[in-house]
């Protein structure tokens, strides 16, 4: 996931992979959490904006919380391709 997003989505970055079952995906400039979460849902993806975890609004960059757990390889590859499509459409 880290390498795919790094290569294909300009301005995005991922942190927190080593922490466990979720990663934090910082959105490229100009993209909002609400828009990306909505577009992701249209592609069958369930992601959440970081703001839903924050105590105070506006204290963080626009980002997604992406759960990755231990999906089978065939499911993860397709979901990652759809996420990249969501992040690169304007």
PDB file of N, CA and C in Angstrom:
ATOM      1  N   UNK A   1       0.833  -1.184   0.000  1.00  0.00           N
ATOM      2  CA  UNK A   1       0.000   0.000   0.000  1.00  0.00           C
ATOM      3  C   UNK A   1       0.872   1.239   0.000  1.00  0.00           C
ATOM      4  N   UNK A   2       1.876   1.246   0.842  1.00  0.00           N
ATOM      5  CA  UNK A   2       2.760   2.403   0.967  1.00  0.00           C
ATOM      6  C   UNK A   2       3.411   2.748  -0.365  1.00  0.00           C
ATOM      7  N   UNK A   3       4.004   1.784  -1.016  1.00  0.00           N
ATOM      8  CA  UNK A   3       4.691   2.033  -2.285  1.00  0.00           C
ATOM      9  C   UNK A   3       3.717   2.407  -3.398  1.00  0.00           C
ATOM     10  N   UNK A   4       2.579   1.765  -3.451  1.00  0.00           N
ATOM     11  CA  UNK A   4       1.597   2.072  -4.495  1.00  0.00           C
ATOM     12  C   UNK A   4       1.099   3.498  -4.373  1.00  0.00           C
ATOM     13  N   UNK A   5       0.739   3.920  -3.187  1.00  0.00           N
ATOM     14  CA  UNK A   5       0.258   5.294  -2.993  1.00  0.00           C
ATOM     15  C   UNK A   5       1.384   6.278  -3.268  1.00  0.00           C
ATOM     16  N   UNK A   6       2.566   5.988  -2.797  1.00  0.00           N
ATOM     17  CA  UNK A   6       3.714   6.879  -3.012  1.00  0.00           C
ATOM     18  C   UNK A   6       3.984   7.086  -4.498  1.00  0.00           C
ATOM     19  N   UNK A   7       3.905   6.016  -5.287  1.00  0.00           N
ATOM     20  CA  UNK A   7       4.185   6.094  -6.724  1.00  0.00           C
ATOM     21  C   UNK A   7       3.056   6.726  -7.520  1.00  0.00           C
ATOM     22  N   UNK A   8       1.808   6.472  -7.140  1.00  0.00           N
ATOM     23  CA  UNK A   8       0.683   6.812  -8.015  1.00  0.00           C
ATOM     24  C   UNK A   8      -0.147   8.006  -7.579  1.00  0.00           C
ATOM     25  N   UNK A   9       0.007   8.479  -6.339  1.00  0.00           N
ATOM     26  CA  UNK A   9      -0.834   9.571  -5.852  1.00  0.00           C
ATOM     27  C   UNK A   9       0.059  10.718  -5.385  1.00  0.00           C
ATOM     28  N   UNK A  10       0.229  11.699  -6.255  1.00  0.00           N
ATOM     29  CA  UNK A  10       1.082  12.846  -5.933  1.00  0.00           C
ATOM     30  C   UNK A  10       0.524  13.601  -4.731  1.00  0.00           C
ATOM     31  N   UNK A  11       1.397  13.900  -3.792  1.00  0.00           N
ATOM     32  CA  UNK A  11       1.009  14.691  -2.635  1.00  0.00           C
ATOM     33  C   UNK A  11       0.420  13.915  -1.473  1.00  0.00           C
ATOM     34  N   UNK A  12       0.211  12.617  -1.632  1.00  0.00           N
ATOM     35  CA  UNK A  12      -0.323  11.794  -0.540  1.00  0.00           C
ATOM     36  C   UNK A  12       0.841  11.138   0.199  1.00  0.00           C
ATOM     37  N   UNK A  13       0.619  10.842   1.465  1.00  0.00           N
ATOM     38  CA  UNK A  13       1.622  10.103   2.230  1.00  0.00           C
ATOM     39  C   UNK A  13       0.907   9.206   3.236  1.00  0.00           C
ATOM     40  N   UNK A  14       1.588   8.144   3.625  1.00  0.00           N
ATOM     41  CA  UNK A  14       1.010   7.179   4.567  1.00  0.00           C
ATOM     42  C   UNK A  14       1.946   7.024   5.754  1.00  0.00           C
ATOM     43  N   UNK A  15       1.358   7.026   6.949  1.00  0.00           N
ATOM     44  CA  UNK A  15       2.113   6.751   8.167  1.00  0.00           C
ATOM     45  C   UNK A  15       1.328   5.738   8.995  1.00  0.00           C
ATOM     46  N   UNK A  16       1.984   5.172   9.989  1.00  0.00           N
ATOM     47  CA  UNK A  16       1.314   4.313  10.948  1.00  0.00           C
ATOM     48  C   UNK A  16       1.203   2.859  10.569  1.00  0.00           C
ATOM     49  N   UNK A  17       1.771   2.446   9.464  1.00  0.00           N
ATOM     50  CA  UNK A  17       1.630   1.053   9.037  1.00  0.00           C
ATOM     51  C   UNK A  17       2.190   0.096  10.083  1.00  0.00           C
ATOM     52  N   UNK A  18       3.307   0.435  10.673  1.00  0.00           N
ATOM     53  CA  UNK A  18       3.931  -0.456  11.653  1.00  0.00           C
ATOM     54  C   UNK A  18       3.110  -0.588  12.933  1.00  0.00           C
ATOM     55  N   UNK A  19       2.146   0.302  13.128  1.00  0.00           N
ATOM     56  CA  UNK A  19       1.380   0.298  14.368  1.00  0.00           C
ATOM     57  C   UNK A  19       0.331  -0.808  14.433  1.00  0.00           C
ATOM     58  N   UNK A  20      -0.075  -1.362  13.300  1.00  0.00           N
ATOM     59  CA  UNK A  20      -1.051  -2.441  13.402  1.00  0.00           C
ATOM     60  C   UNK A  20      -2.033  -2.539  12.271  1.00  0.00           C
ATOM     61  N   UNK A  21      -3.315  -2.362  12.551  1.00  0.00           N
ATOM     62  CA  UNK A  21      -4.366  -2.664  11.591  1.00  0.00           C
ATOM     63  C   UNK A  21      -4.886  -1.467  10.810  1.00  0.00           C
ATOM     64  N   UNK A  22      -4.369  -0.292  11.094  1.00  0.00           N
ATOM     65  CA  UNK A  22      -4.816   0.918  10.408  1.00  0.00           C
ATOM     66  C   UNK A  22      -3.613   1.747   9.980  1.00  0.00           C
ATOM     67  N   UNK A  23      -3.811   2.510   8.920  1.00  0.00           N
ATOM     68  CA  UNK A  23      -2.792   3.453   8.467  1.00  0.00           C
ATOM     69  C   UNK A  23      -3.452   4.811   8.323  1.00  0.00           C
ATOM     70  N   UNK A  24      -2.650   5.850   8.402  1.00  0.00           N
ATOM     71  CA  UNK A  24      -3.129   7.206   8.220  1.00  0.00           C
ATOM     72  C   UNK A  24      -2.641   7.683   6.861  1.00  0.00           C
ATOM     73  N   UNK A  25      -3.583   8.012   5.975  1.00  0.00           N
ATOM     74  CA  UNK A  25      -3.254   8.447   4.634  1.00  0.00           C
ATOM     75  C   UNK A  25      -3.547   9.938   4.523  1.00  0.00           C
ATOM     76  N   UNK A  26      -2.490  10.752   4.500  1.00  0.00           N
ATOM     77  CA  UNK A  26      -2.651  12.198   4.363  1.00  0.00           C
ATOM     78  C   UNK A  26      -3.028  12.493   2.920  1.00  0.00           C
ATOM     79  N   UNK A  27      -4.121  13.241   2.748  1.00  0.00           N
ATOM     80  CA  UNK A  27      -4.635  13.523   1.416  1.00  0.00           C
ATOM     81  C   UNK A  27      -3.818  14.597   0.714  1.00  0.00           C
ATOM     82  N   UNK A  28      -3.780  14.521  -0.617  1.00  0.00           N
ATOM     83  CA  UNK A  28      -3.113  15.578  -1.377  1.00  0.00           C
ATOM     84  C   UNK A  28      -3.811  16.922  -1.145  1.00  0.00           C
ATOM     85  N   UNK A  29      -3.062  18.009  -1.283  1.00  0.00           N
ATOM     86  CA  UNK A  29      -3.644  19.345  -1.146  1.00  0.00           C
ATOM     87  C   UNK A  29      -4.844  19.502  -2.070  1.00  0.00           C
ATOM     88  N   UNK A  30      -5.872  20.159  -1.569  1.00  0.00           N
ATOM     89  CA  UNK A  30      -7.061  20.409  -2.363  1.00  0.00           C
ATOM     90  C   UNK A  30      -8.140  19.350  -2.239  1.00  0.00           C
ATOM     91  N   UNK A  31      -7.842  18.228  -1.599  1.00  0.00           N
ATOM     92  CA  UNK A  31      -8.854  17.192  -1.404  1.00  0.00           C
ATOM     93  C   UNK A  31      -9.342  17.251   0.041  1.00  0.00           C
ATOM     94  N   UNK A  32     -10.641  17.099   0.207  1.00  0.00           N
ATOM     95  CA  UNK A  32     -11.208  17.118   1.551  1.00  0.00           C
ATOM     96  C   UNK A  32     -11.605  15.704   1.970  1.00  0.00           C
ATOM     97  N   UNK A  33     -11.615  15.496   3.267  1.00  0.00           N
ATOM     98  CA  UNK A  33     -12.010  14.190   3.789  1.00  0.00           C
ATOM     99  C   UNK A  33     -13.411  13.804   3.333  1.00  0.00           C
ATOM    100  N   UNK A  34     -14.361  14.724   3.461  1.00  0.00           N
ATOM    101  CA  UNK A  34     -15.742  14.399   3.112  1.00  0.00           C
ATOM    102  C   UNK A  34     -15.875  13.990   1.654  1.00  0.00           C
ATOM    103  N   UNK A  35     -15.219  14.717   0.752  1.00  0.00           N
ATOM    104  CA  UNK A  35     -15.298  14.376  -0.669  1.00  0.00           C
ATOM    105  C   UNK A  35     -14.686  13.014  -0.954  1.00  0.00           C
ATOM    106  N   UNK A  36     -13.524  12.762  -0.389  1.00  0.00           N
ATOM    107  CA  UNK A  36     -12.840  11.492  -0.653  1.00  0.00           C
ATOM    108  C   UNK A  36     -13.599  10.324  -0.031  1.00  0.00           C
ATOM    109  N   UNK A  37     -14.101  10.494   1.179  1.00  0.00           N
ATOM    110  CA  UNK A  37     -14.880   9.423   1.818  1.00  0.00           C
ATOM    111  C   UNK A  37     -16.125   9.118   0.981  1.00  0.00           C
ATOM    112  N   UNK A  38     -16.779  10.154   0.471  1.00  0.00           N
ATOM    113  CA  UNK A  38     -17.958   9.956  -0.376  1.00  0.00           C
ATOM    114  C   UNK A  38     -17.632   9.231  -1.671  1.00  0.00           C
ATOM    115  N   UNK A  39     -16.551   9.656  -2.335  1.00  0.00           N
ATOM    116  CA  UNK A  39     -16.143   8.992  -3.584  1.00  0.00           C
ATOM    117  C   UNK A  39     -15.717   7.551  -3.312  1.00  0.00           C
ATOM    118  N   UNK A  40     -15.049   7.326  -2.193  1.00  0.00           N
ATOM    119  CA  UNK A  40     -14.633   5.966  -1.837  1.00  0.00           C
ATOM    120  C   UNK A  40     -15.858   5.066  -1.662  1.00  0.00           C
ATOM    121  N   UNK A  41     -16.877   5.571  -0.994  1.00  0.00           N
ATOM    122  CA  UNK A  41     -18.105   4.790  -0.793  1.00  0.00           C
ATOM    123  C   UNK A  41     -18.739   4.425  -2.129  1.00  0.00           C
ATOM    124  N   UNK A  42     -18.690   5.344  -3.086  1.00  0.00           N
ATOM    125  CA  UNK A  42     -19.229   5.062  -4.423  1.00  0.00           C
ATOM    126  C   UNK A  42     -18.463   3.938  -5.114  1.00  0.00           C
ATOM    127  N   UNK A  43     -17.217   3.711  -4.706  1.00  0.00           N
ATOM    128  CA  UNK A  43     -16.384   2.643  -5.263  1.00  0.00           C
ATOM    129  C   UNK A  43     -16.377   1.396  -4.372  1.00  0.00           C
ATOM    130  N   UNK A  44     -17.283   1.362  -3.394  1.00  0.00           N
ATOM    131  CA  UNK A  44     -17.392   0.186  -2.536  1.00  0.00           C
ATOM    132  C   UNK A  44     -16.352   0.096  -1.441  1.00  0.00           C
ATOM    133  N   UNK A  45     -15.729   1.233  -1.099  1.00  0.00           N
ATOM    134  CA  UNK A  45     -14.707   1.244  -0.049  1.00  0.00           C
ATOM    135  C   UNK A  45     -15.247   1.917   1.196  1.00  0.00           C
ATOM    136  N   UNK A  46     -14.908   1.386   2.337  1.00  0.00           N
ATOM    137  CA  UNK A  46     -15.304   1.981   3.610  1.00  0.00           C
ATOM    138  C   UNK A  46     -14.055   2.522   4.298  1.00  0.00           C
ATOM    139  N   UNK A  47     -13.859   3.835   4.188  1.00  0.00           N
ATOM    140  CA  UNK A  47     -12.758   4.508   4.873  1.00  0.00           C
ATOM    141  C   UNK A  47     -13.365   5.633   5.699  1.00  0.00           C
ATOM    142  N   UNK A  48     -12.617   6.104   6.666  1.00  0.00           N
ATOM    143  CA  UNK A  48     -13.099   7.192   7.511  1.00  0.00           C
ATOM    144  C   UNK A  48     -12.114   8.345   7.471  1.00  0.00           C
ATOM    145  N   UNK A  49     -12.650   9.545   7.606  1.00  0.00           N
ATOM    146  CA  UNK A  49     -11.793  10.710   7.718  1.00  0.00           C
ATOM    147  C   UNK A  49     -11.220  10.792   9.122  1.00  0.00           C
ATOM    148  N   UNK A  50     -10.022  11.329   9.224  1.00  0.00           N
ATOM    149  CA  UNK A  50      -9.378  11.479  10.519  1.00  0.00           C
ATOM    150  C   UNK A  50     -10.196  12.369  11.449  1.00  0.00           C
ATOM    151  N   UNK A  51     -10.949  13.305  10.888  1.00  0.00           N
ATOM    152  CA  UNK A  51     -11.726  14.229  11.722  1.00  0.00           C
ATOM    153  C   UNK A  51     -12.744  13.502  12.595  1.00  0.00           C
ATOM    154  N   UNK A  52     -13.189  12.315  12.177  1.00  0.00           N
ATOM    155  CA  UNK A  52     -14.144  11.581  13.003  1.00  0.00           C
ATOM    156  C   UNK A  52     -13.499  11.037  14.279  1.00  0.00           C
ATOM    157  N   UNK A  53     -12.177  11.074  14.359  1.00  0.00           N
ATOM    158  CA  UNK A  53     -11.448  10.627  15.544  1.00  0.00           C
ATOM    159  C   UNK A  53     -10.930  11.792  16.381  1.00  0.00           C
ATOM    160  N   UNK A  54     -11.008  12.997  15.850  1.00  0.00           N
ATOM    161  CA  UNK A  54     -10.413  14.159  16.509  1.00  0.00           C
ATOM    162  C   UNK A  54     -11.353  14.761  17.550  1.00  0.00           C
ATOM    163  N   UNK A  55     -10.781  15.268  18.613  1.00  0.00           N
ATOM    164  CA  UNK A  55     -11.570  15.944  19.649  1.00  0.00           C
ATOM    165  C   UNK A  55     -11.932  17.361  19.226  1.00  0.00           C
ATOM    166  N   UNK A  56     -11.039  18.017  18.494  1.00  0.00           N
ATOM    167  CA  UNK A  56     -11.276  19.401  18.058  1.00  0.00           C
ATOM    168  C   UNK A  56     -11.132  19.481  16.545  1.00  0.00           C
ATOM    169  N   UNK A  57     -12.058  20.150  15.904  1.00  0.00           N
ATOM    170  CA  UNK A  57     -12.035  20.279  14.445  1.00  0.00           C
ATOM    171  C   UNK A  57     -10.888  21.169  13.994  1.00  0.00           C
ATOM    172  N   UNK A  58     -10.351  20.852  12.813  1.00  0.00           N
ATOM    173  CA  UNK A  58      -9.365  21.710  12.188  1.00  0.00           C
ATOM    174  C   UNK A  58      -7.960  21.650  12.740  1.00  0.00           C
ATOM    175  N   UNK A  59      -7.660  20.679  13.563  1.00  0.00           N
ATOM    176  CA  UNK A  59      -6.325  20.610  14.163  1.00  0.00           C
ATOM    177  C   UNK A  59      -5.419  19.598  13.463  1.00  0.00           C
ATOM    178  N   UNK A  60      -5.820  19.131  12.310  1.00  0.00           N
ATOM    179  CA  UNK A  60      -5.013  18.157  11.590  1.00  0.00           C
ATOM    180  C   UNK A  60      -5.189  18.359  10.090  1.00  0.00           C
ATOM    181  N   UNK A  61      -4.278  17.815   9.342  1.00  0.00           N
ATOM    182  CA  UNK A  61      -4.397  17.838   7.885  1.00  0.00           C
ATOM    183  C   UNK A  61      -5.495  16.874   7.462  1.00  0.00           C
ATOM    184  N   UNK A  62      -6.055  17.103   6.280  1.00  0.00           N
ATOM    185  CA  UNK A  62      -7.059  16.178   5.750  1.00  0.00           C
ATOM    186  C   UNK A  62      -6.410  14.812   5.549  1.00  0.00           C
ATOM    187  N   UNK A  63      -7.018  13.793   6.133  1.00  0.00           N
ATOM    188  CA  UNK A  63      -6.439  12.450   6.071  1.00  0.00           C
ATOM    189  C   UNK A  63      -7.532  11.401   6.204  1.00  0.00           C
ATOM    190  N   UNK A  64      -7.207  10.198   5.790  1.00  0.00           N
ATOM    191  CA  UNK A  64      -8.099   9.052   5.942  1.00  0.00           C
ATOM    192  C   UNK A  64      -7.497   8.064   6.920  1.00  0.00           C
ATOM    193  N   UNK A  65      -8.350   7.383   7.636  1.00  0.00           N
ATOM    194  CA  UNK A  65      -7.936   6.243   8.442  1.00  0.00           C
ATOM    195  C   UNK A  65      -8.319   5.016   7.616  1.00  0.00           C
ATOM    196  N   UNK A  66      -7.313   4.260   7.206  1.00  0.00           N
ATOM    197  CA  UNK A  66      -7.527   3.117   6.314  1.00  0.00           C
ATOM    198  C   UNK A  66      -7.208   1.840   7.070  1.00  0.00           C
ATOM    199  N   UNK A  67      -8.217   0.995   7.237  1.00  0.00           N
ATOM    200  CA  UNK A  67      -7.999  -0.301   7.867  1.00  0.00           C
ATOM    201  C   UNK A  67      -7.497  -1.283   6.832  1.00  0.00           C
ATOM    202  N   UNK A  68      -6.488  -2.057   7.194  1.00  0.00           N
ATOM    203  CA  UNK A  68      -5.981  -3.025   6.227  1.00  0.00           C
ATOM    204  C   UNK A  68      -5.901  -4.432   6.780  1.00  0.00           C
ATOM    205  N   UNK A  69      -5.958  -4.605   8.083  1.00  0.00           N
ATOM    206  CA  UNK A  69      -6.030  -5.933   8.704  1.00  0.00           C
ATOM    207  C   UNK A  69      -5.243  -6.985   7.959  1.00  0.00           C
ATOM    208  N   UNK A  70      -5.875  -8.107   7.722  1.00  0.00           N
ATOM    209  CA  UNK A  70      -5.238  -9.198   6.977  1.00  0.00           C
ATOM    210  C   UNK A  70      -6.171  -9.700   5.882  1.00  0.00           C
ATOM    211  N   UNK A  71      -6.490  -8.844   4.905  1.00  0.00           N
ATOM    212  CA  UNK A  71      -7.359  -9.301   3.830  1.00  0.00           C
ATOM    213  C   UNK A  71      -6.609 -10.279   2.927  1.00  0.00           C
ATOM    214  N   UNK A  72      -7.340 -11.146   2.231  1.00  0.00           N
ATOM    215  CA  UNK A  72      -6.666 -12.002   1.252  1.00  0.00           C
ATOM    216  C   UNK A  72      -6.060 -11.131   0.157  1.00  0.00           C
ATOM    217  N   UNK A  73      -4.948 -11.561  -0.411  1.00  0.00           N
ATOM    218  CA  UNK A  73      -4.241 -10.763  -1.415  1.00  0.00           C
ATOM    219  C   UNK A  73      -5.138 -10.310  -2.550  1.00  0.00           C
ATOM    220  N   UNK A  74      -6.011 -11.186  -3.039  1.00  0.00           N
ATOM    221  CA  UNK A  74      -6.852 -10.805  -4.171  1.00  0.00           C
ATOM    222  C   UNK A  74      -7.823  -9.685  -3.803  1.00  0.00           C
ATOM    223  N   UNK A  75      -8.286  -9.631  -2.577  1.00  0.00           N
ATOM    224  CA  UNK A  75      -9.203  -8.565  -2.147  1.00  0.00           C
ATOM    225  C   UNK A  75      -8.446  -7.268  -1.921  1.00  0.00           C
ATOM    226  N   UNK A  76      -7.264  -7.340  -1.348  1.00  0.00           N
ATOM    227  CA  UNK A  76      -6.485  -6.150  -1.037  1.00  0.00           C
ATOM    228  C   UNK A  76      -6.038  -5.443  -2.313  1.00  0.00           C
ATOM    229  N   UNK A  77      -5.601  -6.193  -3.290  1.00  0.00           N
ATOM    230  CA  UNK A  77      -5.127  -5.605  -4.541  1.00  0.00           C
ATOM    231  C   UNK A  77      -6.228  -4.808  -5.224  1.00  0.00           C
ATOM    232  N   UNK A  78      -7.421  -5.359  -5.283  1.00  0.00           N
ATOM    233  CA  UNK A  78      -8.549  -4.658  -5.906  1.00  0.00           C
ATOM    234  C   UNK A  78      -8.964  -3.428  -5.124  1.00  0.00           C
ATOM    235  N   UNK A  79      -8.999  -3.534  -3.808  1.00  0.00           N
ATOM    236  CA  UNK A  79      -9.384  -2.399  -2.971  1.00  0.00           C
ATOM    237  C   UNK A  79      -8.355  -1.284  -3.092  1.00  0.00           C
ATOM    238  N   UNK A  80      -7.087  -1.628  -3.137  1.00  0.00           N
ATOM    239  CA  UNK A  80      -6.039  -0.619  -3.280  1.00  0.00           C
ATOM    240  C   UNK A  80      -6.140   0.075  -4.636  1.00  0.00           C
ATOM    241  N   UNK A  81      -6.432  -0.655  -5.683  1.00  0.00           N
ATOM    242  CA  UNK A  81      -6.611  -0.048  -7.009  1.00  0.00           C
ATOM    243  C   UNK A  81      -7.781   0.929  -7.008  1.00  0.00           C
ATOM    244  N   UNK A  82      -8.872   0.581  -6.335  1.00  0.00           N
ATOM    245  CA  UNK A  82     -10.022   1.486  -6.264  1.00  0.00           C
ATOM    246  C   UNK A  82      -9.691   2.720  -5.434  1.00  0.00           C
ATOM    247  N   UNK A  83      -8.929   2.550  -4.339  1.00  0.00           N
ATOM    248  CA  UNK A  83      -8.545   3.693  -3.527  1.00  0.00           C
ATOM    249  C   UNK A  83      -7.661   4.652  -4.329  1.00  0.00           C
ATOM    250  N   UNK A  84      -6.715   4.134  -5.068  1.00  0.00           N
ATOM    251  CA  UNK A  84      -5.864   4.985  -5.918  1.00  0.00           C
ATOM    252  C   UNK A  84      -6.723   5.715  -6.949  1.00  0.00           C
ATOM    253  N   UNK A  85      -7.692   5.034  -7.533  1.00  0.00           N
ATOM    254  CA  UNK A  85      -8.585   5.691  -8.496  1.00  0.00           C
ATOM    255  C   UNK A  85      -9.342   6.843  -7.845  1.00  0.00           C
ATOM    256  N   UNK A  86      -9.820   6.649  -6.639  1.00  0.00           N
ATOM    257  CA  UNK A  86     -10.530   7.690  -5.914  1.00  0.00           C
ATOM    258  C   UNK A  86      -9.615   8.881  -5.653  1.00  0.00           C
ATOM    259  N   UNK A  87      -8.402   8.615  -5.246  1.00  0.00           N
ATOM    260  CA  UNK A  87      -7.464   9.682  -4.878  1.00  0.00           C
ATOM    261  C   UNK A  87      -6.922  10.440  -6.086  1.00  0.00           C
ATOM    262  N   UNK A  88      -6.962   9.834  -7.252  1.00  0.00           N
ATOM    263  CA  UNK A  88      -6.433  10.510  -8.429  1.00  0.00           C
ATOM    264  C   UNK A  88      -7.502  11.143  -9.301  1.00  0.00           C
ATOM    265  N   UNK A  89      -8.775  10.932  -9.009  1.00  0.00           N
ATOM    266  CA  UNK A  89      -9.834  11.597  -9.768  1.00  0.00           C
ATOM    267  C   UNK A  89     -10.112  12.961  -9.191  1.00  0.00           C
ATOM    268  N   UNK A  90     -10.430  13.889 -10.021  1.00  0.00           N
ATOM    269  CA  UNK A  90     -10.718  15.257  -9.578  1.00  0.00           C
ATOM    270  C   UNK A  90     -12.072  15.672 -10.069  1.00  0.00           C
TER     271      UNK A  90
END
